[in-house]
Amino acid sequence: MKKFLFLVIVVLALFTIDHPMIKEPREKLLGEGVGILSSASNINRGPAASMAKNRIKSTLSLSESELEYLEETMQTDEQLQLFYTRYCRSKDLNLYFYEDRLNTVCKIAAESLAERRGK
């Protein structure tokens, strides 16, 4: 128990002391750890979602916020299907795409989903 308590105190000291000799290796180690975790958590984009996203980007000129929304919304094929059902079939209000732009996005999403089903 004493060894464990000593280990906890040493680890806490290494994480709280801002001495340059300790700080630089600690930041390097934490940076590598965060890099490994972020690369492991990347979502594999579905083929239909990827195809739809690329077609939308090439067809429409998108603002920065629209690009971010597109990245978040079309990460997987299931999310693409949900987007299509919600905004294209149910005609729900979309804050980023509307009127002709929404019709274009819906058309591309429908084509991508049809190609996915066809394969």
C-alpha atoms as a PDB file:
ATOM      1  CA  MET A   1       0.000   0.000   0.000  1.00  0.00           C
ATOM      2  CA  LYS A   2       2.877   2.360   0.783  1.00  0.00           C
ATOM      3  CA  LYS A   3       4.454   1.667  -2.606  1.00  0.00           C
ATOM      4  CA  PHE A   4       1.199   2.445  -4.394  1.00  0.00           C
ATOM      5  CA  LEU A   5       0.741   5.677  -2.454  1.00  0.00           C
ATOM      6  CA  PHE A   6       4.320   6.669  -3.252  1.00  0.00           C
ATOM      7  CA  LEU A   7       3.731   5.938  -6.966  1.00  0.00           C
ATOM      8  CA  VAL A   8       0.571   8.074  -6.974  1.00  0.00           C
ATOM      9  CA  ILE A   9       2.431  10.960  -5.349  1.00  0.00           C
ATOM     10  CA  VAL A  10       5.283  10.712  -7.880  1.00  0.00           C
ATOM     11  CA  VAL A  11       2.864  10.633 -10.834  1.00  0.00           C
ATOM     12  CA  LEU A  12       0.933  13.620  -9.493  1.00  0.00           C
ATOM     13  CA  ALA A  13       4.180  15.493  -8.948  1.00  0.00           C
ATOM     14  CA  LEU A  14       5.276  14.813 -12.529  1.00  0.00           C
ATOM     15  CA  PHE A  15       1.988  16.158 -13.851  1.00  0.00           C
ATOM     16  CA  THR A  16       1.915  19.277 -11.687  1.00  0.00           C
ATOM     17  CA  ILE A  17       5.539  20.495 -11.594  1.00  0.00           C
ATOM     18  CA  ASP A  18       6.370  23.047 -14.296  1.00  0.00           C
ATOM     19  CA  HIS A  19      10.143  22.661 -14.245  1.00  0.00           C
ATOM     20  CA  PRO A  20      11.550  22.753 -17.825  1.00  0.00           C
ATOM     21  CA  MET A  21      13.304  19.426 -17.322  1.00  0.00           C
ATOM     22  CA  ILE A  22       9.970  17.738 -16.525  1.00  0.00           C
ATOM     23  CA  LYS A  23       7.632  19.915 -18.577  1.00  0.00           C
ATOM     24  CA  GLU A  24       9.093  19.263 -22.058  1.00  0.00           C
ATOM     25  CA  PRO A  25       9.102  15.426 -21.925  1.00  0.00           C
ATOM     26  CA  ARG A  26       5.647  15.477 -20.313  1.00  0.00           C
ATOM     27  CA  GLU A  27       4.187  17.630 -23.103  1.00  0.00           C
ATOM     28  CA  LYS A  28       5.838  15.436 -25.731  1.00  0.00           C
ATOM     29  CA  LEU A  29       4.429  12.290 -24.132  1.00  0.00           C
ATOM     30  CA  LEU A  30       0.940  13.788 -23.781  1.00  0.00           C
ATOM     31  CA  GLY A  31       1.063  15.046 -27.380  1.00  0.00           C
ATOM     32  CA  GLU A  32       1.894  11.578 -28.659  1.00  0.00           C
ATOM     33  CA  GLY A  33      -0.855  10.062 -26.523  1.00  0.00           C
ATOM     34  CA  VAL A  34      -3.443  12.521 -27.820  1.00  0.00           C
ATOM     35  CA  GLY A  35      -2.275  11.873 -31.392  1.00  0.00           C
ATOM     36  CA  ILE A  36      -2.703   8.124 -30.977  1.00  0.00           C
ATOM     37  CA  LEU A  37      -6.155   8.547 -29.426  1.00  0.00           C
ATOM     38  CA  SER A  38      -7.344  10.937 -32.129  1.00  0.00           C
ATOM     39  CA  SER A  39      -6.146   8.690 -34.951  1.00  0.00           C
ATOM     40  CA  ALA A  40      -7.857   5.714 -33.319  1.00  0.00           C
ATOM     41  CA  SER A  41     -11.157   7.571 -33.021  1.00  0.00           C
ATOM     42  CA  ASN A  42     -11.418   8.603 -36.678  1.00  0.00           C
ATOM     43  CA  ILE A  43     -14.673   7.421 -38.187  1.00  0.00           C
ATOM     44  CA  ASN A  44     -14.462   5.409 -41.348  1.00  0.00           C
ATOM     45  CA  ARG A  45     -16.645   7.263 -43.785  1.00  0.00           C
ATOM     46  CA  GLY A  46     -19.216   5.173 -45.597  1.00  0.00           C
ATOM     47  CA  PRO A  47     -18.841   4.937 -49.372  1.00  0.00           C
ATOM     48  CA  ALA A  48     -22.216   6.544 -50.129  1.00  0.00           C
ATOM     49  CA  ALA A  49     -21.638   9.361 -47.644  1.00  0.00           C
ATOM     50  CA  SER A  50     -18.166  10.003 -49.004  1.00  0.00           C
ATOM     51  CA  MET A  51     -19.429  10.004 -52.578  1.00  0.00           C
ATOM     52  CA  ALA A  52     -22.295  12.363 -51.713  1.00  0.00           C
ATOM     53  CA  LYS A  53     -20.037  14.724 -49.811  1.00  0.00           C
ATOM     54  CA  ASN A  54     -17.551  14.913 -52.687  1.00  0.00           C
ATOM     55  CA  ARG A  55     -20.294  15.482 -55.253  1.00  0.00           C
ATOM     56  CA  ILE A  56     -21.888  18.213 -53.148  1.00  0.00           C
ATOM     57  CA  LYS A  57     -18.541  19.939 -52.690  1.00  0.00           C
ATOM     58  CA  SER A  58     -17.847  19.857 -56.424  1.00  0.00           C
ATOM     59  CA  THR A  59     -21.371  20.949 -57.419  1.00  0.00           C
ATOM     60  CA  LEU A  60     -22.003  23.768 -54.944  1.00  0.00           C
ATOM     61  CA  SER A  61     -19.739  26.515 -53.692  1.00  0.00           C
ATOM     62  CA  LEU A  62     -19.916  26.078 -49.933  1.00  0.00           C
ATOM     63  CA  SER A  63     -19.087  28.454 -47.116  1.00  0.00           C
ATOM     64  CA  GLU A  64     -16.884  27.378 -44.215  1.00  0.00           C
ATOM     65  CA  SER A  65     -19.865  26.730 -41.945  1.00  0.00           C
ATOM     66  CA  GLU A  66     -21.600  24.672 -44.651  1.00  0.00           C
ATOM     67  CA  LEU A  67     -18.451  22.585 -45.096  1.00  0.00           C
ATOM     68  CA  GLU A  68     -18.285  21.915 -41.361  1.00  0.00           C
ATOM     69  CA  TYR A  69     -21.975  20.991 -41.323  1.00  0.00           C
ATOM     70  CA  LEU A  70     -21.470  18.663 -44.283  1.00  0.00           C
ATOM     71  CA  GLU A  71     -18.533  16.967 -42.545  1.00  0.00           C
ATOM     72  CA  GLU A  72     -20.543  16.417 -39.364  1.00  0.00           C
ATOM     73  CA  THR A  73     -23.751  15.362 -41.076  1.00  0.00           C
ATOM     74  CA  MET A  74     -22.389  12.930 -43.650  1.00  0.00           C
ATOM     75  CA  GLN A  75     -19.856  10.871 -41.750  1.00  0.00           C
ATOM     76  CA  THR A  76     -21.514   7.500 -42.322  1.00  0.00           C
ATOM     77  CA  ASP A  77     -24.069   6.041 -44.698  1.00  0.00           C
ATOM     78  CA  GLU A  78     -26.594   5.847 -41.871  1.00  0.00           C
ATOM     79  CA  GLN A  79     -26.232   9.567 -41.191  1.00  0.00           C
ATOM     80  CA  LEU A  80     -26.669  10.261 -44.904  1.00  0.00           C
ATOM     81  CA  GLN A  81     -29.866   8.197 -44.885  1.00  0.00           C
ATOM     82  CA  LEU A  82     -31.094  10.092 -41.816  1.00  0.00           C
ATOM     83  CA  PHE A  83     -30.331  13.433 -43.503  1.00  0.00           C
ATOM     84  CA  TYR A  84     -32.181  12.337 -46.639  1.00  0.00           C
ATOM     85  CA  THR A  85     -35.210  11.142 -44.671  1.00  0.00           C
ATOM     86  CA  ARG A  86     -35.380  14.212 -42.478  1.00  0.00           C
ATOM     87  CA  TYR A  87     -34.718  17.035 -44.921  1.00  0.00           C
ATOM     88  CA  CYS A  88     -35.631  15.597 -48.315  1.00  0.00           C
ATOM     89  CA  ARG A  89     -38.598  13.336 -47.674  1.00  0.00           C
ATOM     90  CA  SER A  90     -40.090  14.988 -44.577  1.00  0.00           C
ATOM     91  CA  LYS A  91     -39.208  18.498 -45.810  1.00  0.00           C
ATOM     92  CA  ASP A  92     -37.921  19.531 -42.383  1.00  0.00           C
ATOM     93  CA  LEU A  93     -36.271  22.954 -42.136  1.00  0.00           C
ATOM     94  CA  ASN A  94     -32.509  22.910 -42.698  1.00  0.00           C
ATOM     95  CA  LEU A  95     -30.577  25.943 -41.500  1.00  0.00           C
ATOM     96  CA  TYR A  96     -27.674  25.468 -43.925  1.00  0.00           C
ATOM     97  CA  PHE A  97     -29.299  24.389 -47.181  1.00  0.00           C
ATOM     98  CA  TYR A  98     -32.651  25.572 -48.493  1.00  0.00           C
ATOM     99  CA  GLU A  99     -34.630  25.905 -51.730  1.00  0.00           C
ATOM    100  CA  ASP A 100     -32.548  25.064 -54.818  1.00  0.00           C
ATOM    101  CA  ARG A 101     -29.415  24.246 -52.834  1.00  0.00           C
ATOM    102  CA  LEU A 102     -31.351  21.783 -50.663  1.00  0.00           C
ATOM    103  CA  ASN A 103     -32.906  20.239 -53.778  1.00  0.00           C
ATOM    104  CA  THR A 104     -29.433  19.764 -55.250  1.00  0.00           C
ATOM    105  CA  VAL A 105     -28.135  18.200 -52.020  1.00  0.00           C
ATOM    106  CA  CYS A 106     -31.193  15.923 -51.835  1.00  0.00           C
ATOM    107  CA  LYS A 107     -30.743  14.815 -55.434  1.00  0.00           C
ATOM    108  CA  ILE A 108     -27.085  13.962 -54.837  1.00  0.00           C
ATOM    109  CA  ALA A 109     -27.906  12.158 -51.580  1.00  0.00           C
ATOM    110  CA  ALA A 110     -30.624  10.118 -53.309  1.00  0.00           C
ATOM    111  CA  GLU A 111     -28.270   9.137 -56.138  1.00  0.00           C
ATOM    112  CA  SER A 112     -25.535   8.116 -53.698  1.00  0.00           C
ATOM    113  CA  LEU A 113     -27.949   6.042 -51.600  1.00  0.00           C
ATOM    114  CA  ALA A 114     -29.362   4.389 -54.744  1.00  0.00           C
ATOM    115  CA  GLU A 115     -25.852   3.485 -55.917  1.00  0.00           C
ATOM    116  CA  ARG A 116     -25.101   2.015 -52.485  1.00  0.00           C
ATOM    117  CA  ARG A 117     -28.235  -0.128 -52.627  1.00  0.00           C
ATOM    118  CA  GLY A 118     -27.422  -1.187 -56.186  1.00  0.00           C
ATOM    119  CA  LYS A 119     -24.029  -2.598 -55.235  1.00  0.00           C
END
